[in-house]
Amino acid sequence: MQITLNGKPHRCDAVTIRELLDQLDLHGRLAVEVNQNIVPKSEHATYQLHDQDTVEIVHAIGGG
């Protein structure tokens, strides 16, 4: 499927956000947004991606 990942075209075989993160080897404190909606970490394993979705992934960094 073809998605937009962090502003760039990206082809992937992932069905869920968790699969996408695993394929990208991204772990830790991450925030994921699909089509301008934040997806809670508790839903990453079940949230299904679709062709032409726009996905933004950022590392959540604490500080002050």
PDB file of N, CA and C in Angstrom:
ATOM      1  N   MET A   1       0.844  -1.169   0.000  1.00  0.00           N
ATOM      2  CA  MET A   1       0.000   0.000   0.000  1.00  0.00           C
ATOM      3  C   MET A   1       0.889   1.232   0.000  1.00  0.00           C
ATOM      4  N   GLN A   2       0.368   2.318  -0.484  1.00  0.00           N
ATOM      5  CA  GLN A   2       1.087   3.580  -0.538  1.00  0.00           C
ATOM      6  C   GLN A   2       0.511   4.525   0.526  1.00  0.00           C
ATOM      7  N   ILE A   3       1.378   5.027   1.403  1.00  0.00           N
ATOM      8  CA  ILE A   3       0.971   5.998   2.408  1.00  0.00           C
ATOM      9  C   ILE A   3       1.904   7.205   2.310  1.00  0.00           C
ATOM     10  N   THR A   4       1.538   8.263   3.004  1.00  0.00           N
ATOM     11  CA  THR A   4       2.453   9.386   3.176  1.00  0.00           C
ATOM     12  C   THR A   4       2.958   9.297   4.600  1.00  0.00           C
ATOM     13  N   LEU A   5       4.270   9.183   4.764  1.00  0.00           N
ATOM     14  CA  LEU A   5       4.884   9.015   6.070  1.00  0.00           C
ATOM     15  C   LEU A   5       5.772  10.216   6.361  1.00  0.00           C
ATOM     16  N   ASN A   6       5.392  10.974   7.371  1.00  0.00           N
ATOM     17  CA  ASN A   6       6.142  12.181   7.739  1.00  0.00           C
ATOM     18  C   ASN A   6       6.407  13.067   6.524  1.00  0.00           C
ATOM     19  N   GLY A   7       5.365  13.224   5.704  1.00  0.00           N
ATOM     20  CA  GLY A   7       5.428  14.133   4.570  1.00  0.00           C
ATOM     21  C   GLY A   7       6.020  13.580   3.288  1.00  0.00           C
ATOM     22  N   LYS A   8       6.419  12.297   3.288  1.00  0.00           N
ATOM     23  CA  LYS A   8       7.039  11.702   2.102  1.00  0.00           C
ATOM     24  C   LYS A   8       6.294  10.437   1.687  1.00  0.00           C
ATOM     25  N   PRO A   9       6.187  10.181   0.390  1.00  0.00           N
ATOM     26  CA  PRO A   9       5.557   8.933  -0.061  1.00  0.00           C
ATOM     27  C   PRO A   9       6.318   7.727   0.490  1.00  0.00           C
ATOM     28  N   HIS A  10       5.564   6.727   0.903  1.00  0.00           N
ATOM     29  CA  HIS A  10       6.183   5.529   1.478  1.00  0.00           C
ATOM     30  C   HIS A  10       5.339   4.320   1.108  1.00  0.00           C
ATOM     31  N   ARG A  11       5.990   3.291   0.565  1.00  0.00           N
ATOM     32  CA  ARG A  11       5.305   2.049   0.254  1.00  0.00           C
ATOM     33  C   ARG A  11       5.562   1.076   1.388  1.00  0.00           C
ATOM     34  N   CYS A  12       4.506   0.419   1.852  1.00  0.00           N
ATOM     35  CA  CYS A  12       4.675  -0.533   2.951  1.00  0.00           C
ATOM     36  C   CYS A  12       3.702  -1.686   2.823  1.00  0.00           C
ATOM     37  N   ASP A  13       4.014  -2.764   3.532  1.00  0.00           N
ATOM     38  CA  ASP A  13       3.156  -3.945   3.580  1.00  0.00           C
ATOM     39  C   ASP A  13       2.443  -4.050   4.916  1.00  0.00           C
ATOM     40  N   ALA A  14       2.640  -3.069   5.781  1.00  0.00           N
ATOM     41  CA  ALA A  14       2.063  -3.113   7.127  1.00  0.00           C
ATOM     42  C   ALA A  14       0.547  -2.968   7.063  1.00  0.00           C
ATOM     43  N   VAL A  15      -0.122  -3.699   7.940  1.00  0.00           N
ATOM     44  CA  VAL A  15      -1.574  -3.601   8.038  1.00  0.00           C
ATOM     45  C   VAL A  15      -1.956  -2.729   9.232  1.00  0.00           C
ATOM     46  N   THR A  16      -1.162  -2.791  10.291  1.00  0.00           N
ATOM     47  CA  THR A  16      -1.462  -2.010  11.493  1.00  0.00           C
ATOM     48  C   THR A  16      -0.320  -1.037  11.786  1.00  0.00           C
ATOM     49  N   ILE A  17      -0.588  -0.098  12.667  1.00  0.00           N
ATOM     50  CA  ILE A  17       0.453   0.842  13.085  1.00  0.00           C
ATOM     51  C   ILE A  17       1.609   0.091  13.723  1.00  0.00           C
ATOM     52  N   ARG A  18       1.329  -0.892  14.573  1.00  0.00           N
ATOM     53  CA  ARG A  18       2.380  -1.670  15.229  1.00  0.00           C
ATOM     54  C   ARG A  18       3.284  -2.323  14.183  1.00  0.00           C
ATOM     55  N   GLU A  19       2.695  -2.914  13.142  1.00  0.00           N
ATOM     56  CA  GLU A  19       3.493  -3.539  12.089  1.00  0.00           C
ATOM     57  C   GLU A  19       4.360  -2.502  11.382  1.00  0.00           C
ATOM     58  N   LEU A  20       3.808  -1.319  11.127  1.00  0.00           N
ATOM     59  CA  LEU A  20       4.585  -0.257  10.484  1.00  0.00           C
ATOM     60  C   LEU A  20       5.760   0.147  11.367  1.00  0.00           C
ATOM     61  N   LEU A  21       5.513   0.350  12.649  1.00  0.00           N
ATOM     62  CA  LEU A  21       6.585   0.731  13.564  1.00  0.00           C
ATOM     63  C   LEU A  21       7.657  -0.350  13.637  1.00  0.00           C
ATOM     64  N   ASP A  22       7.241  -1.609  13.640  1.00  0.00           N
ATOM     65  CA  ASP A  22       8.206  -2.716  13.657  1.00  0.00           C
ATOM     66  C   ASP A  22       9.038  -2.729  12.373  1.00  0.00           C
ATOM     67  N   GLN A  23       8.386  -2.535  11.223  1.00  0.00           N
ATOM     68  CA  GLN A  23       9.103  -2.520   9.950  1.00  0.00           C
ATOM     69  C   GLN A  23      10.112  -1.379   9.890  1.00  0.00           C
ATOM     70  N   LEU A  24       9.756  -0.246  10.509  1.00  0.00           N
ATOM     71  CA  LEU A  24      10.644   0.919  10.522  1.00  0.00           C
ATOM     72  C   LEU A  24      11.669   0.837  11.649  1.00  0.00           C
ATOM     73  N   ASP A  25      11.564  -0.210  12.474  1.00  0.00           N
ATOM     74  CA  ASP A  25      12.426  -0.406  13.638  1.00  0.00           C
ATOM     75  C   ASP A  25      12.375   0.803  14.581  1.00  0.00           C
ATOM     76  N   LEU A  26      11.158   1.295  14.806  1.00  0.00           N
ATOM     77  CA  LEU A  26      10.931   2.416  15.722  1.00  0.00           C
ATOM     78  C   LEU A  26      10.309   1.888  17.008  1.00  0.00           C
ATOM     79  N   HIS A  27      10.910   2.254  18.123  1.00  0.00           N
ATOM     80  CA  HIS A  27      10.433   1.788  19.421  1.00  0.00           C
ATOM     81  C   HIS A  27      10.568   2.925  20.425  1.00  0.00           C
ATOM     82  N   GLY A  28       9.981   2.768  21.569  1.00  0.00           N
ATOM     83  CA  GLY A  28      10.093   3.782  22.614  1.00  0.00           C
ATOM     84  C   GLY A  28       8.855   4.654  22.670  1.00  0.00           C
ATOM     85  N   ARG A  29       9.053   5.831  23.182  1.00  0.00           N
ATOM     86  CA  ARG A  29       7.938   6.770  23.356  1.00  0.00           C
ATOM     87  C   ARG A  29       7.671   7.484  22.032  1.00  0.00           C
ATOM     88  N   LEU A  30       6.618   7.041  21.362  1.00  0.00           N
ATOM     89  CA  LEU A  30       6.271   7.587  20.065  1.00  0.00           C
ATOM     90  C   LEU A  30       4.847   8.125  20.083  1.00  0.00           C
ATOM     91  N   ALA A  31       4.633   9.170  19.323  1.00  0.00           N
ATOM     92  CA  ALA A  31       3.280   9.672  19.084  1.00  0.00           C
ATOM     93  C   ALA A  31       2.988   9.412  17.610  1.00  0.00           C
ATOM     94  N   VAL A  32       1.812   8.839  17.344  1.00  0.00           N
ATOM     95  CA  VAL A  32       1.438   8.513  15.974  1.00  0.00           C
ATOM     96  C   VAL A  32       0.110   9.183  15.645  1.00  0.00           C
ATOM     97  N   GLU A  33       0.089   9.833  14.481  1.00  0.00           N
ATOM     98  CA  GLU A  33      -1.107  10.505  14.001  1.00  0.00           C
ATOM     99  C   GLU A  33      -1.431   9.934  12.628  1.00  0.00           C
ATOM    100  N   VAL A  34      -2.694   9.579  12.410  1.00  0.00           N
ATOM    101  CA  VAL A  34      -3.131   9.088  11.108  1.00  0.00           C
ATOM    102  C   VAL A  34      -4.253   9.995  10.630  1.00  0.00           C
ATOM    103  N   ASN A  35      -4.050  10.594   9.478  1.00  0.00           N
ATOM    104  CA  ASN A  35      -5.036  11.512   8.904  1.00  0.00           C
ATOM    105  C   ASN A  35      -5.460  12.588   9.904  1.00  0.00           C
ATOM    106  N   GLN A  36      -4.480  13.148  10.580  1.00  0.00           N
ATOM    107  CA  GLN A  36      -4.633  14.249  11.532  1.00  0.00           C
ATOM    108  C   GLN A  36      -5.361  13.864  12.818  1.00  0.00           C
ATOM    109  N   ASN A  37      -5.417  12.571  13.111  1.00  0.00           N
ATOM    110  CA  ASN A  37      -6.008  12.081  14.360  1.00  0.00           C
ATOM    111  C   ASN A  37      -4.963  11.292  15.129  1.00  0.00           C
ATOM    112  N   ILE A  38      -4.713  11.687  16.376  1.00  0.00           N
ATOM    113  CA  ILE A  38      -3.762  10.955  17.203  1.00  0.00           C
ATOM    114  C   ILE A  38      -4.332   9.587  17.546  1.00  0.00           C
ATOM    115  N   VAL A  39      -3.494   8.566  17.384  1.00  0.00           N
ATOM    116  CA  VAL A  39      -3.906   7.196  17.702  1.00  0.00           C
ATOM    117  C   VAL A  39      -3.195   6.795  18.982  1.00  0.00           C
ATOM    118  N   PRO A  40      -3.964   6.499  20.051  1.00  0.00           N
ATOM    119  CA  PRO A  40      -3.340   6.101  21.321  1.00  0.00           C
ATOM    120  C   PRO A  40      -2.502   4.839  21.161  1.00  0.00           C
ATOM    121  N   LYS A  41      -1.427   4.752  21.937  1.00  0.00           N
ATOM    122  CA  LYS A  41      -0.536   3.590  21.878  1.00  0.00           C
ATOM    123  C   LYS A  41      -1.309   2.290  22.100  1.00  0.00           C
ATOM    124  N   SER A  42      -2.335   2.334  22.922  1.00  0.00           N
ATOM    125  CA  SER A  42      -3.125   1.132  23.210  1.00  0.00           C
ATOM    126  C   SER A  42      -3.848   0.603  21.967  1.00  0.00           C
ATOM    127  N   GLU A  43      -3.941   1.415  20.916  1.00  0.00           N
ATOM    128  CA  GLU A  43      -4.624   0.995  19.685  1.00  0.00           C
ATOM    129  C   GLU A  43      -3.666   0.667  18.543  1.00  0.00           C
ATOM    130  N   HIS A  44      -2.361   0.832  18.749  1.00  0.00           N
ATOM    131  CA  HIS A  44      -1.401   0.622  17.669  1.00  0.00           C
ATOM    132  C   HIS A  44      -1.455  -0.789  17.087  1.00  0.00           C
ATOM    133  N   ALA A  45      -1.700  -1.783  17.914  1.00  0.00           N
ATOM    134  CA  ALA A  45      -1.708  -3.171  17.435  1.00  0.00           C
ATOM    135  C   ALA A  45      -2.957  -3.508  16.623  1.00  0.00           C
ATOM    136  N   THR A  46      -4.025  -2.733  16.786  1.00  0.00           N
ATOM    137  CA  THR A  46      -5.276  -3.053  16.105  1.00  0.00           C
ATOM    138  C   THR A  46      -5.707  -2.007  15.082  1.00  0.00           C
ATOM    139  N   TYR A  47      -5.120  -0.812  15.132  1.00  0.00           N
ATOM    140  CA  TYR A  47      -5.511   0.260  14.213  1.00  0.00           C
ATOM    141  C   TYR A  47      -5.018  -0.075  12.806  1.00  0.00           C
ATOM    142  N   GLN A  48      -5.948  -0.243  11.875  1.00  0.00           N
ATOM    143  CA  GLN A  48      -5.585  -0.652  10.530  1.00  0.00           C
ATOM    144  C   GLN A  48      -5.297   0.550   9.632  1.00  0.00           C
ATOM    145  N   LEU A  49      -4.209   0.437   8.902  1.00  0.00           N
ATOM    146  CA  LEU A  49      -3.837   1.456   7.930  1.00  0.00           C
ATOM    147  C   LEU A  49      -4.509   1.151   6.599  1.00  0.00           C
ATOM    148  N   HIS A  50      -4.725   2.211   5.816  1.00  0.00           N
ATOM    149  CA  HIS A  50      -5.352   2.066   4.511  1.00  0.00           C
ATOM    150  C   HIS A  50      -4.528   2.805   3.462  1.00  0.00           C
ATOM    151  N   ASP A  51      -4.665   2.369   2.232  1.00  0.00           N
ATOM    152  CA  ASP A  51      -3.976   3.015   1.124  1.00  0.00           C
ATOM    153  C   ASP A  51      -4.280   4.515   1.137  1.00  0.00           C
ATOM    154  N   GLN A  52      -3.260   5.321   0.942  1.00  0.00           N
ATOM    155  CA  GLN A  52      -3.342   6.781   0.885  1.00  0.00           C
ATOM    156  C   GLN A  52      -3.486   7.462   2.251  1.00  0.00           C
ATOM    157  N   ASP A  53      -3.362   6.723   3.348  1.00  0.00           N
ATOM    158  CA  ASP A  53      -3.366   7.348   4.674  1.00  0.00           C
ATOM    159  C   ASP A  53      -2.155   8.262   4.801  1.00  0.00           C
ATOM    160  N   THR A  54      -2.302   9.291   5.615  1.00  0.00           N
ATOM    161  CA  THR A  54      -1.199  10.175   5.958  1.00  0.00           C
ATOM    162  C   THR A  54      -0.814   9.884   7.397  1.00  0.00           C
ATOM    163  N   VAL A  55       0.423   9.453   7.602  1.00  0.00           N
ATOM    164  CA  VAL A  55       0.895   9.039   8.926  1.00  0.00           C
ATOM    165  C   VAL A  55       2.052   9.943   9.350  1.00  0.00           C
ATOM    166  N   GLU A  56       1.960  10.456  10.560  1.00  0.00           N
ATOM    167  CA  GLU A  56       3.039  11.241  11.155  1.00  0.00           C
ATOM    168  C   GLU A  56       3.500  10.505  12.408  1.00  0.00           C
ATOM    169  N   ILE A  57       4.799  10.304  12.526  1.00  0.00           N
ATOM    170  CA  ILE A  57       5.365   9.631  13.694  1.00  0.00           C
ATOM    171  C   ILE A  57       6.427  10.548  14.281  1.00  0.00           C
ATOM    172  N   VAL A  58       6.310  10.833  15.568  1.00  0.00           N
ATOM    173  CA  VAL A  58       7.321  11.659  16.236  1.00  0.00           C
ATOM    174  C   VAL A  58       7.712  10.977  17.541  1.00  0.00           C
ATOM    175  N   HIS A  59       8.952  11.197  17.938  1.00  0.00           N
ATOM    176  CA  HIS A  59       9.412  10.709  19.229  1.00  0.00           C
ATOM    177  C   HIS A  59       8.949  11.687  20.299  1.00  0.00           C
ATOM    178  N   ALA A  60       8.311  11.178  21.335  1.00  0.00           N
ATOM    179  CA  ALA A  60       7.877  12.002  22.457  1.00  0.00           C
ATOM    180  C   ALA A  60       9.072  12.185  23.394  1.00  0.00           C
ATOM    181  N   ILE A  61       9.465  13.422  23.590  1.00  0.00           N
ATOM    182  CA  ILE A  61      10.621  13.722  24.426  1.00  0.00           C
ATOM    183  C   ILE A  61      10.187  14.615  25.584  1.00  0.00           C
ATOM    184  N   GLY A  62      10.458  14.158  26.787  1.00  0.00           N
ATOM    185  CA  GLY A  62      10.130  14.953  27.974  1.00  0.00           C
ATOM    186  C   GLY A  62      11.223  15.976  28.249  1.00  0.00           C
ATOM    187  N   GLY A  63      10.883  16.947  29.000  1.00  0.00           N
ATOM    188  CA  GLY A  63      11.873  17.961  29.326  1.00  0.00           C
ATOM    189  C   GLY A  63      11.204  19.170  29.956  1.00  0.00           C
ATOM    190  N   GLY A  64      11.984  20.161  30.176  1.00  0.00           N
ATOM    191  CA  GLY A  64      11.358  21.329  30.774  1.00  0.00           C
ATOM    192  C   GLY A  64      12.295  22.509  30.830  1.00  0.00           C
TER     193      GLY A  64
END
